[in-house]
């Protein structure tokens, strides 16, 4: 529990944290042992943080890592050249692909996963947190939808591991339905 509270304190979500309260300096996070830093990602630690206290950008940061790792894990089978694996991952995590996945999820259930009102709220929070513009190559709405999906993935990862796995399975089903 000490490790989780240390990570939570470093993230600014320790017990008793209030908006506007001073956050712990980054150097404390770097000095923590690696096993304590990664405990947050374990199943026994997930669900103990109130993700409403985290900013949508922080959740999108976590969600980006979750999605990247998920697609990398899927790309290793069947075995292929590293460059081909990397191309598959990049194609799946591009903002355009993520925005298309959001559009598909909003149309209705995919593989047993349907967006709840809470999920839609996380999508909106992530979308609204982006600001005016993303990369120049994209329309602002595409980048915003992709950030919304990352925020949802981060929120589900932190708060509900089973629902996060269901979201990832739905994203895989969407990807498999696309023409290659």
N, C-alpha and C. Protein backbone atom coordinates (compact mmCIF):
# COMPACT_ATOMS: atom_id res chain seq x y z
N UNK A 1 0.83 -1.19 0.00
CA UNK A 1 0.00 0.00 0.00
C UNK A 1 0.87 1.25 0.00
N UNK A 2 2.02 1.19 0.67
CA UNK A 2 2.92 2.33 0.72
C UNK A 2 3.35 2.72 -0.68
N UNK A 3 3.63 1.71 -1.53
CA UNK A 3 4.08 1.99 -2.88
C UNK A 3 2.99 2.69 -3.68
N UNK A 4 1.77 2.21 -3.54
CA UNK A 4 0.67 2.82 -4.28
C UNK A 4 0.46 4.25 -3.84
N UNK A 5 0.52 4.49 -2.53
CA UNK A 5 0.32 5.85 -2.06
C UNK A 5 1.45 6.76 -2.52
N UNK A 6 2.67 6.22 -2.65
CA UNK A 6 3.76 7.03 -3.14
C UNK A 6 3.56 7.39 -4.61
N UNK A 7 3.13 6.41 -5.41
CA UNK A 7 2.86 6.69 -6.81
C UNK A 7 1.71 7.67 -6.93
N UNK A 8 0.67 7.45 -6.14
CA UNK A 8 -0.48 8.35 -6.18
C UNK A 8 -0.07 9.76 -5.77
N UNK A 9 0.79 9.87 -4.77
CA UNK A 9 1.26 11.19 -4.35
C UNK A 9 2.05 11.85 -5.46
N UNK A 10 2.85 11.08 -6.16
CA UNK A 10 3.62 11.64 -7.26
C UNK A 10 2.71 12.09 -8.40
N UNK A 11 1.58 11.42 -8.53
CA UNK A 11 0.63 11.80 -9.58
C UNK A 11 -0.30 12.90 -9.10
N UNK A 12 -0.24 13.26 -7.83
CA UNK A 12 -1.07 14.33 -7.31
C UNK A 12 -2.45 13.88 -6.89
N UNK A 13 -2.63 12.58 -6.60
CA UNK A 13 -3.94 12.09 -6.23
C UNK A 13 -3.94 11.42 -4.86
N UNK A 14 -3.04 11.82 -4.00
CA UNK A 14 -2.97 11.21 -2.67
C UNK A 14 -4.23 11.54 -1.89
N UNK A 15 -4.47 10.75 -0.87
CA UNK A 15 -5.65 10.98 -0.03
C UNK A 15 -5.61 12.41 0.49
N UNK A 16 -6.74 13.06 0.41
CA UNK A 16 -6.81 14.42 0.89
C UNK A 16 -6.40 15.45 -0.13
N UNK A 17 -6.07 15.04 -1.33
CA UNK A 17 -5.66 15.99 -2.36
C UNK A 17 -6.82 16.87 -2.75
N UNK A 18 -6.59 18.12 -2.90
CA UNK A 18 -7.62 19.07 -3.31
C UNK A 18 -7.15 19.79 -4.56
N UNK A 19 -8.09 20.20 -5.43
CA UNK A 19 -7.68 20.97 -6.61
C UNK A 19 -6.91 22.21 -6.17
N UNK A 20 -5.85 22.49 -6.86
CA UNK A 20 -5.02 23.63 -6.54
C UNK A 20 -3.95 23.33 -5.50
N UNK A 21 -3.99 22.13 -4.93
CA UNK A 21 -2.98 21.77 -3.94
C UNK A 21 -1.64 21.58 -4.63
N UNK A 22 -0.57 21.81 -3.89
CA UNK A 22 0.78 21.68 -4.45
C UNK A 22 1.05 20.23 -4.81
N UNK A 23 1.53 20.01 -6.00
CA UNK A 23 1.85 18.66 -6.45
C UNK A 23 3.29 18.31 -6.06
N UNK A 24 3.54 17.03 -5.93
CA UNK A 24 4.87 16.54 -5.59
C UNK A 24 5.80 16.77 -6.77
N UNK A 25 6.99 17.21 -6.51
CA UNK A 25 7.94 17.49 -7.58
C UNK A 25 8.34 16.21 -8.30
N UNK A 26 8.64 16.34 -9.57
CA UNK A 26 8.96 15.20 -10.42
C UNK A 26 10.16 14.39 -9.95
N UNK A 27 11.13 15.01 -9.33
CA UNK A 27 12.33 14.28 -8.94
C UNK A 27 12.01 13.19 -7.93
N UNK A 28 10.97 13.35 -7.14
CA UNK A 28 10.58 12.29 -6.21
C UNK A 28 10.12 11.05 -6.95
N UNK A 29 9.46 11.25 -8.05
CA UNK A 29 9.01 10.13 -8.86
C UNK A 29 10.21 9.37 -9.43
N UNK A 30 11.21 10.09 -9.87
CA UNK A 30 12.39 9.44 -10.45
C UNK A 30 13.18 8.66 -9.40
N UNK A 31 13.12 9.08 -8.15
CA UNK A 31 13.93 8.42 -7.13
C UNK A 31 13.25 7.19 -6.54
N UNK A 32 12.01 6.94 -6.92
CA UNK A 32 11.30 5.78 -6.40
C UNK A 32 11.82 4.51 -7.08
N UNK A 33 11.89 3.40 -6.35
CA UNK A 33 12.32 2.14 -6.96
C UNK A 33 11.34 1.72 -8.06
N UNK A 34 11.87 1.06 -9.07
CA UNK A 34 11.08 0.70 -10.24
C UNK A 34 9.89 -0.18 -9.89
N UNK A 35 10.05 -1.10 -8.95
CA UNK A 35 8.94 -1.98 -8.61
C UNK A 35 7.77 -1.21 -8.00
N UNK A 36 8.07 -0.11 -7.30
CA UNK A 36 7.00 0.71 -6.75
C UNK A 36 6.29 1.50 -7.85
N UNK A 37 7.03 1.94 -8.85
CA UNK A 37 6.42 2.72 -9.93
C UNK A 37 5.48 1.86 -10.76
N UNK A 38 5.82 0.60 -10.96
CA UNK A 38 5.01 -0.25 -11.83
C UNK A 38 3.88 -0.95 -11.09
N UNK A 39 3.83 -0.82 -9.79
CA UNK A 39 2.75 -1.44 -9.05
C UNK A 39 1.40 -0.86 -9.45
N UNK A 40 1.37 0.41 -9.84
CA UNK A 40 0.12 1.04 -10.25
C UNK A 40 -0.54 0.27 -11.38
N UNK A 41 0.24 -0.31 -12.26
CA UNK A 41 -0.30 -1.02 -13.41
C UNK A 41 -0.80 -2.42 -13.08
N UNK A 42 -0.53 -2.91 -11.88
CA UNK A 42 -0.94 -4.26 -11.54
C UNK A 42 -2.43 -4.34 -11.26
N UNK A 43 -2.99 -5.53 -11.40
CA UNK A 43 -4.42 -5.71 -11.21
C UNK A 43 -4.87 -5.39 -9.78
N UNK A 44 -4.02 -5.65 -8.78
CA UNK A 44 -4.43 -5.38 -7.41
C UNK A 44 -4.46 -3.89 -7.09
N UNK A 45 -3.73 -3.08 -7.85
CA UNK A 45 -3.71 -1.65 -7.60
C UNK A 45 -4.76 -0.92 -8.42
N UNK A 46 -5.13 -1.48 -9.57
CA UNK A 46 -6.10 -0.82 -10.42
C UNK A 46 -7.44 -0.73 -9.71
N UNK A 47 -8.15 0.33 -9.95
CA UNK A 47 -9.45 0.52 -9.35
C UNK A 47 -9.39 1.23 -8.01
N UNK A 48 -8.19 1.49 -7.48
CA UNK A 48 -8.08 2.16 -6.20
C UNK A 48 -7.94 3.66 -6.37
N UNK A 49 -7.71 4.13 -7.58
CA UNK A 49 -7.59 5.56 -7.83
C UNK A 49 -8.91 6.09 -8.36
N UNK A 50 -9.25 7.29 -7.95
CA UNK A 50 -10.43 7.95 -8.48
C UNK A 50 -9.97 8.71 -9.72
N UNK A 51 -10.30 8.18 -10.89
CA UNK A 51 -9.78 8.79 -12.12
C UNK A 51 -10.42 10.14 -12.39
N UNK A 52 -11.49 10.50 -11.69
CA UNK A 52 -12.08 11.83 -11.86
C UNK A 52 -11.12 12.91 -11.34
N UNK A 53 -10.19 12.52 -10.50
CA UNK A 53 -9.21 13.48 -9.97
C UNK A 53 -8.05 13.71 -10.94
N UNK A 54 -7.92 12.86 -11.92
CA UNK A 54 -6.85 13.02 -12.89
C UNK A 54 -7.34 13.86 -14.06
N UNK A 55 -6.45 14.62 -14.64
CA UNK A 55 -6.84 15.45 -15.78
C UNK A 55 -7.07 14.55 -17.00
N UNK A 56 -7.90 14.98 -17.93
CA UNK A 56 -8.09 14.20 -19.15
C UNK A 56 -6.78 14.01 -19.92
N UNK A 57 -5.89 15.00 -19.85
CA UNK A 57 -4.61 14.85 -20.53
C UNK A 57 -3.75 13.77 -19.88
N UNK A 58 -3.79 13.67 -18.56
CA UNK A 58 -3.05 12.62 -17.86
C UNK A 58 -3.61 11.25 -18.22
N UNK A 59 -4.94 11.15 -18.27
CA UNK A 59 -5.56 9.88 -18.65
C UNK A 59 -5.26 9.54 -20.11
N UNK A 60 -5.23 10.54 -20.98
CA UNK A 60 -4.88 10.30 -22.39
C UNK A 60 -3.44 9.82 -22.51
N UNK A 61 -2.57 10.33 -21.65
CA UNK A 61 -1.17 9.91 -21.64
C UNK A 61 -1.07 8.43 -21.28
N UNK A 62 -1.82 8.02 -20.26
CA UNK A 62 -1.84 6.61 -19.86
C UNK A 62 -2.51 5.78 -20.96
N UNK A 63 -3.61 6.27 -21.49
CA UNK A 63 -4.34 5.56 -22.54
C UNK A 63 -3.51 5.37 -23.79
N UNK A 64 -2.69 6.36 -24.13
CA UNK A 64 -1.80 6.24 -25.28
C UNK A 64 -0.85 5.07 -25.09
N UNK A 65 -0.30 4.96 -23.88
CA UNK A 65 0.61 3.85 -23.59
C UNK A 65 -0.12 2.51 -23.63
N UNK A 66 -1.35 2.47 -23.09
CA UNK A 66 -2.14 1.24 -23.09
C UNK A 66 -2.41 0.79 -24.53
N UNK A 67 -2.85 1.72 -25.36
CA UNK A 67 -3.17 1.38 -26.75
C UNK A 67 -1.92 0.96 -27.52
N UNK A 68 -0.83 1.66 -27.32
CA UNK A 68 0.42 1.33 -28.00
C UNK A 68 0.88 -0.09 -27.63
N UNK A 69 0.86 -0.39 -26.35
CA UNK A 69 1.28 -1.72 -25.90
C UNK A 69 0.33 -2.80 -26.41
N UNK A 70 -0.96 -2.52 -26.42
CA UNK A 70 -1.94 -3.47 -26.93
C UNK A 70 -1.66 -3.79 -28.40
N UNK A 71 -1.49 -2.76 -29.22
CA UNK A 71 -1.25 -3.00 -30.65
C UNK A 71 0.10 -3.63 -30.90
N UNK A 72 1.10 -3.30 -30.10
CA UNK A 72 2.40 -3.96 -30.26
C UNK A 72 2.27 -5.44 -29.93
N UNK A 73 1.54 -5.77 -28.88
CA UNK A 73 1.33 -7.17 -28.52
C UNK A 73 0.61 -7.94 -29.62
N UNK A 74 -0.35 -7.30 -30.27
CA UNK A 74 -1.08 -7.95 -31.37
C UNK A 74 -0.23 -8.10 -32.62
N UNK A 75 0.73 -7.20 -32.80
CA UNK A 75 1.51 -7.22 -34.04
C UNK A 75 2.58 -8.31 -34.08
N UNK A 76 2.89 -8.91 -32.94
CA UNK A 76 3.98 -9.89 -32.96
C UNK A 76 3.54 -11.26 -33.48
N UNK A 77 2.24 -11.46 -33.64
CA UNK A 77 1.77 -12.73 -34.19
C UNK A 77 0.83 -12.46 -35.33
N UNK A 78 0.97 -13.02 -36.46
CA UNK A 78 2.00 -13.99 -36.84
C UNK A 78 3.35 -13.30 -37.02
N UNK A 79 4.42 -14.05 -36.83
CA UNK A 79 5.76 -13.46 -36.94
C UNK A 79 5.96 -12.80 -38.30
N UNK A 80 6.58 -11.65 -38.28
CA UNK A 80 6.85 -10.90 -39.50
C UNK A 80 8.11 -10.08 -39.28
N UNK A 81 8.56 -9.45 -40.33
CA UNK A 81 9.72 -8.57 -40.20
C UNK A 81 9.37 -7.42 -39.27
N UNK A 82 10.37 -6.93 -38.57
CA UNK A 82 10.16 -5.85 -37.61
C UNK A 82 9.55 -4.62 -38.28
N UNK A 83 9.99 -4.30 -39.47
CA UNK A 83 9.45 -3.13 -40.17
C UNK A 83 7.96 -3.31 -40.47
N UNK A 84 7.55 -4.53 -40.82
CA UNK A 84 6.13 -4.79 -41.07
C UNK A 84 5.32 -4.69 -39.79
N UNK A 85 5.88 -5.20 -38.70
CA UNK A 85 5.20 -5.09 -37.40
C UNK A 85 5.02 -3.62 -37.02
N UNK A 86 6.07 -2.85 -37.21
CA UNK A 86 6.01 -1.43 -36.87
C UNK A 86 4.97 -0.71 -37.72
N UNK A 87 4.88 -1.04 -39.00
CA UNK A 87 3.88 -0.43 -39.88
C UNK A 87 2.46 -0.75 -39.41
N UNK A 88 2.24 -1.99 -38.97
CA UNK A 88 0.91 -2.36 -38.47
C UNK A 88 0.55 -1.58 -37.21
N UNK A 89 1.52 -1.43 -36.32
CA UNK A 89 1.27 -0.70 -35.08
C UNK A 89 0.99 0.77 -35.38
N UNK A 90 1.81 1.37 -36.21
CA UNK A 90 1.64 2.79 -36.55
C UNK A 90 0.29 3.02 -37.22
N UNK A 91 -0.11 2.11 -38.09
CA UNK A 91 -1.41 2.25 -38.76
C UNK A 91 -2.55 2.18 -37.75
N UNK A 92 -2.40 1.38 -36.72
CA UNK A 92 -3.47 1.21 -35.73
C UNK A 92 -3.53 2.35 -34.73
N UNK A 93 -2.39 2.96 -34.40
CA UNK A 93 -2.40 4.00 -33.37
C UNK A 93 -2.45 5.41 -33.97
N UNK A 94 -2.46 5.52 -35.27
CA UNK A 94 -2.59 6.84 -35.89
C UNK A 94 -3.92 7.47 -35.47
N UNK A 95 -3.92 8.77 -35.41
CA UNK A 95 -5.13 9.49 -35.00
C UNK A 95 -6.31 9.18 -35.92
N UNK A 96 -6.05 9.02 -37.20
CA UNK A 96 -7.14 8.73 -38.14
C UNK A 96 -7.81 7.40 -37.81
N UNK A 97 -7.02 6.38 -37.49
CA UNK A 97 -7.57 5.07 -37.15
C UNK A 97 -8.33 5.13 -35.83
N UNK A 98 -7.79 5.87 -34.87
CA UNK A 98 -8.47 5.99 -33.58
C UNK A 98 -9.78 6.76 -33.72
N UNK A 99 -9.80 7.80 -34.54
CA UNK A 99 -11.04 8.56 -34.76
C UNK A 99 -12.08 7.69 -35.46
N UNK A 100 -11.65 6.87 -36.40
CA UNK A 100 -12.57 5.96 -37.08
C UNK A 100 -13.13 4.94 -36.09
N UNK A 101 -12.31 4.48 -35.17
CA UNK A 101 -12.77 3.53 -34.15
C UNK A 101 -13.80 4.19 -33.23
N UNK A 102 -13.59 5.44 -32.87
CA UNK A 102 -14.56 6.17 -32.04
C UNK A 102 -15.89 6.28 -32.79
N UNK A 103 -15.82 6.62 -34.07
CA UNK A 103 -17.04 6.74 -34.86
C UNK A 103 -17.78 5.40 -34.90
N UNK A 104 -17.05 4.32 -35.06
CA UNK A 104 -17.68 3.00 -35.11
C UNK A 104 -18.28 2.62 -33.75
N UNK A 105 -17.59 2.92 -32.67
CA UNK A 105 -18.11 2.62 -31.34
C UNK A 105 -19.38 3.43 -31.05
N UNK A 106 -19.45 4.64 -31.55
CA UNK A 106 -20.63 5.47 -31.32
C UNK A 106 -21.84 4.98 -32.11
N UNK A 107 -21.61 4.26 -33.20
CA UNK A 107 -22.74 3.75 -34.00
C UNK A 107 -23.46 2.60 -33.31
N UNK A 108 -22.78 1.88 -32.43
CA UNK A 108 -23.43 0.77 -31.75
C UNK A 108 -22.42 -0.21 -31.19
N UNK A 109 -22.91 -1.25 -30.53
CA UNK A 109 -22.01 -2.23 -29.90
C UNK A 109 -21.09 -2.92 -30.90
N UNK A 110 -19.89 -3.18 -30.44
CA UNK A 110 -18.90 -3.91 -31.24
C UNK A 110 -18.35 -5.02 -30.37
N UNK A 111 -18.51 -6.26 -30.82
CA UNK A 111 -17.96 -7.40 -30.08
C UNK A 111 -18.40 -7.45 -28.63
N UNK A 112 -19.63 -7.09 -28.35
CA UNK A 112 -20.12 -7.13 -26.98
C UNK A 112 -19.81 -5.89 -26.17
N UNK A 113 -19.12 -4.93 -26.73
CA UNK A 113 -18.79 -3.70 -26.02
C UNK A 113 -19.65 -2.57 -26.57
N UNK A 114 -20.38 -1.92 -25.68
CA UNK A 114 -21.18 -0.75 -26.05
C UNK A 114 -20.75 0.40 -25.14
N UNK A 115 -20.68 1.58 -25.71
CA UNK A 115 -20.32 2.75 -24.92
C UNK A 115 -21.43 3.07 -23.92
N UNK A 116 -21.05 3.22 -22.67
CA UNK A 116 -22.01 3.64 -21.64
C UNK A 116 -22.01 5.17 -21.60
N UNK A 117 -22.89 5.72 -20.80
CA UNK A 117 -22.91 7.18 -20.63
C UNK A 117 -21.60 7.66 -20.02
N UNK A 118 -21.08 6.89 -19.08
CA UNK A 118 -19.81 7.26 -18.45
C UNK A 118 -18.67 7.23 -19.47
N UNK A 119 -18.67 6.21 -20.34
CA UNK A 119 -17.64 6.13 -21.38
C UNK A 119 -17.73 7.33 -22.31
N UNK A 120 -18.95 7.67 -22.69
CA UNK A 120 -19.14 8.81 -23.59
C UNK A 120 -18.68 10.10 -22.92
N UNK A 121 -18.88 10.19 -21.61
CA UNK A 121 -18.42 11.38 -20.88
C UNK A 121 -16.89 11.46 -20.92
N UNK A 122 -16.21 10.31 -20.76
CA UNK A 122 -14.74 10.32 -20.84
C UNK A 122 -14.27 10.68 -22.25
N UNK A 123 -14.97 10.19 -23.26
CA UNK A 123 -14.63 10.57 -24.64
C UNK A 123 -14.75 12.08 -24.82
N UNK A 124 -15.83 12.65 -24.31
CA UNK A 124 -16.03 14.11 -24.43
C UNK A 124 -14.98 14.88 -23.65
N UNK A 125 -14.68 14.43 -22.42
CA UNK A 125 -13.66 15.13 -21.63
C UNK A 125 -12.31 15.12 -22.33
N UNK A 126 -11.94 13.96 -22.88
CA UNK A 126 -10.67 13.88 -23.60
C UNK A 126 -10.67 14.72 -24.86
N UNK A 127 -11.79 14.72 -25.54
CA UNK A 127 -11.92 15.50 -26.77
C UNK A 127 -11.83 17.00 -26.48
N UNK A 128 -12.48 17.44 -25.41
CA UNK A 128 -12.50 18.86 -25.08
C UNK A 128 -11.19 19.35 -24.48
N UNK A 129 -10.38 18.45 -23.94
CA UNK A 129 -9.13 18.85 -23.30
C UNK A 129 -8.01 19.13 -24.29
N UNK A 130 -8.22 18.75 -25.54
CA UNK A 130 -7.15 18.85 -26.53
C UNK A 130 -6.76 20.28 -26.82
N UNK A 131 -7.71 21.17 -26.83
CA UNK A 131 -7.41 22.54 -27.23
C UNK A 131 -7.84 22.76 -28.67
N UNK A 132 -7.33 23.80 -29.26
CA UNK A 132 -7.78 24.18 -30.59
C UNK A 132 -7.30 23.28 -31.70
N UNK A 133 -6.07 22.86 -31.64
CA UNK A 133 -5.48 22.24 -32.82
C UNK A 133 -4.47 21.17 -32.44
N UNK A 134 -4.41 20.14 -33.24
CA UNK A 134 -3.39 19.12 -33.10
C UNK A 134 -2.38 19.29 -34.22
N UNK A 135 -1.84 18.19 -34.71
CA UNK A 135 -0.88 18.27 -35.81
C UNK A 135 -1.51 18.89 -37.05
N UNK A 136 -0.71 19.56 -37.85
CA UNK A 136 -1.21 20.25 -39.05
C UNK A 136 -1.79 19.31 -40.09
N UNK A 137 -1.32 18.09 -40.13
CA UNK A 137 -1.79 17.16 -41.15
C UNK A 137 -3.21 16.68 -40.90
N UNK A 138 -3.74 16.97 -39.71
CA UNK A 138 -5.06 16.46 -39.33
C UNK A 138 -6.08 17.57 -39.14
N UNK A 139 -7.32 17.22 -39.38
CA UNK A 139 -8.40 18.11 -38.97
C UNK A 139 -8.47 18.08 -37.45
N UNK A 140 -8.85 19.18 -36.86
CA UNK A 140 -8.90 19.27 -35.40
C UNK A 140 -9.84 18.23 -34.81
N UNK A 141 -10.93 17.94 -35.50
CA UNK A 141 -11.91 16.97 -34.96
C UNK A 141 -11.34 15.56 -34.93
N UNK A 142 -10.50 15.22 -35.89
CA UNK A 142 -9.88 13.89 -35.91
C UNK A 142 -8.93 13.74 -34.72
N UNK A 143 -8.10 14.73 -34.50
CA UNK A 143 -7.17 14.70 -33.38
C UNK A 143 -7.93 14.67 -32.05
N UNK A 144 -9.02 15.43 -31.97
CA UNK A 144 -9.81 15.47 -30.74
C UNK A 144 -10.45 14.11 -30.47
N UNK A 145 -11.00 13.46 -31.50
CA UNK A 145 -11.59 12.13 -31.31
C UNK A 145 -10.54 11.11 -30.85
N UNK A 146 -9.36 11.18 -31.44
CA UNK A 146 -8.29 10.26 -31.05
C UNK A 146 -7.89 10.49 -29.60
N UNK A 147 -7.80 11.75 -29.19
CA UNK A 147 -7.46 12.05 -27.79
C UNK A 147 -8.57 11.59 -26.85
N UNK A 148 -9.81 11.68 -27.31
CA UNK A 148 -10.92 11.18 -26.51
C UNK A 148 -10.83 9.69 -26.28
N UNK A 149 -10.46 8.94 -27.34
CA UNK A 149 -10.30 7.49 -27.19
C UNK A 149 -9.16 7.16 -26.23
N UNK A 150 -8.07 7.89 -26.32
CA UNK A 150 -6.95 7.67 -25.41
C UNK A 150 -7.35 7.98 -23.97
N UNK A 151 -8.14 9.04 -23.78
CA UNK A 151 -8.61 9.38 -22.44
C UNK A 151 -9.52 8.28 -21.90
N UNK A 152 -10.40 7.76 -22.73
CA UNK A 152 -11.28 6.66 -22.31
C UNK A 152 -10.46 5.42 -21.94
N UNK A 153 -9.48 5.08 -22.78
CA UNK A 153 -8.64 3.91 -22.49
C UNK A 153 -7.89 4.10 -21.18
N UNK A 154 -7.37 5.30 -20.94
CA UNK A 154 -6.67 5.56 -19.68
C UNK A 154 -7.59 5.49 -18.48
N UNK A 155 -8.79 6.06 -18.61
CA UNK A 155 -9.74 6.03 -17.50
C UNK A 155 -10.16 4.60 -17.18
N UNK A 156 -10.42 3.81 -18.20
CA UNK A 156 -10.81 2.42 -17.97
C UNK A 156 -9.65 1.60 -17.41
N UNK A 157 -8.45 1.86 -17.88
CA UNK A 157 -7.28 1.15 -17.37
C UNK A 157 -7.08 1.41 -15.88
N UNK A 158 -7.25 2.66 -15.48
CA UNK A 158 -7.04 3.04 -14.09
C UNK A 158 -8.18 2.54 -13.21
N UNK A 159 -9.42 2.57 -13.73
CA UNK A 159 -10.56 2.32 -12.85
C UNK A 159 -11.24 0.96 -13.03
N UNK A 160 -11.19 0.37 -14.22
CA UNK A 160 -11.97 -0.85 -14.47
C UNK A 160 -11.24 -1.71 -15.51
N UNK A 161 -10.39 -2.60 -15.04
CA UNK A 161 -9.57 -3.43 -15.93
C UNK A 161 -10.38 -4.31 -16.86
N UNK A 162 -11.49 -4.88 -16.37
CA UNK A 162 -12.32 -5.74 -17.23
C UNK A 162 -12.94 -4.96 -18.37
N UNK A 163 -13.42 -3.77 -18.07
CA UNK A 163 -14.02 -2.93 -19.12
C UNK A 163 -12.94 -2.47 -20.10
N UNK A 164 -11.74 -2.21 -19.60
CA UNK A 164 -10.63 -1.83 -20.48
C UNK A 164 -10.31 -2.96 -21.45
N UNK A 165 -10.27 -4.19 -20.95
CA UNK A 165 -10.03 -5.33 -21.83
C UNK A 165 -11.15 -5.48 -22.86
N UNK A 166 -12.38 -5.20 -22.46
CA UNK A 166 -13.50 -5.27 -23.41
C UNK A 166 -13.37 -4.19 -24.49
N UNK A 167 -12.92 -3.00 -24.10
CA UNK A 167 -12.68 -1.94 -25.09
C UNK A 167 -11.61 -2.37 -26.08
N UNK A 168 -10.51 -2.93 -25.56
CA UNK A 168 -9.42 -3.36 -26.44
C UNK A 168 -9.88 -4.48 -27.38
N UNK A 169 -10.71 -5.38 -26.88
CA UNK A 169 -11.25 -6.44 -27.75
C UNK A 169 -12.14 -5.84 -28.83
N UNK A 170 -12.91 -4.82 -28.48
CA UNK A 170 -13.75 -4.15 -29.48
C UNK A 170 -12.89 -3.45 -30.53
N UNK A 171 -11.80 -2.82 -30.10
CA UNK A 171 -10.90 -2.17 -31.06
C UNK A 171 -10.27 -3.19 -31.99
N UNK A 172 -9.94 -4.37 -31.45
CA UNK A 172 -9.39 -5.44 -32.29
C UNK A 172 -10.42 -5.91 -33.29
N UNK A 173 -11.68 -6.02 -32.87
CA UNK A 173 -12.75 -6.44 -33.78
C UNK A 173 -12.96 -5.40 -34.89
N UNK A 174 -12.88 -4.13 -34.54
CA UNK A 174 -12.99 -3.07 -35.54
C UNK A 174 -11.84 -3.18 -36.54
N UNK A 175 -10.64 -3.41 -36.03
CA UNK A 175 -9.46 -3.52 -36.90
C UNK A 175 -9.56 -4.71 -37.83
N UNK A 176 -10.06 -5.83 -37.33
CA UNK A 176 -10.19 -7.03 -38.16
C UNK A 176 -11.25 -6.88 -39.23
N UNK A 177 -12.25 -6.04 -38.98
CA UNK A 177 -13.32 -5.83 -39.95
C UNK A 177 -12.88 -4.91 -41.10
N UNK A 178 -11.79 -4.18 -40.91
CA UNK A 178 -11.30 -3.28 -41.96
C UNK A 178 -10.69 -4.08 -43.09
N UNK A 179 -10.85 -3.60 -44.33
CA UNK A 179 -10.17 -4.28 -45.44
C UNK A 179 -8.66 -4.07 -45.34
N UNK A 180 -7.92 -5.09 -45.70
CA UNK A 180 -6.45 -4.97 -45.61
C UNK A 180 -5.81 -4.62 -46.91
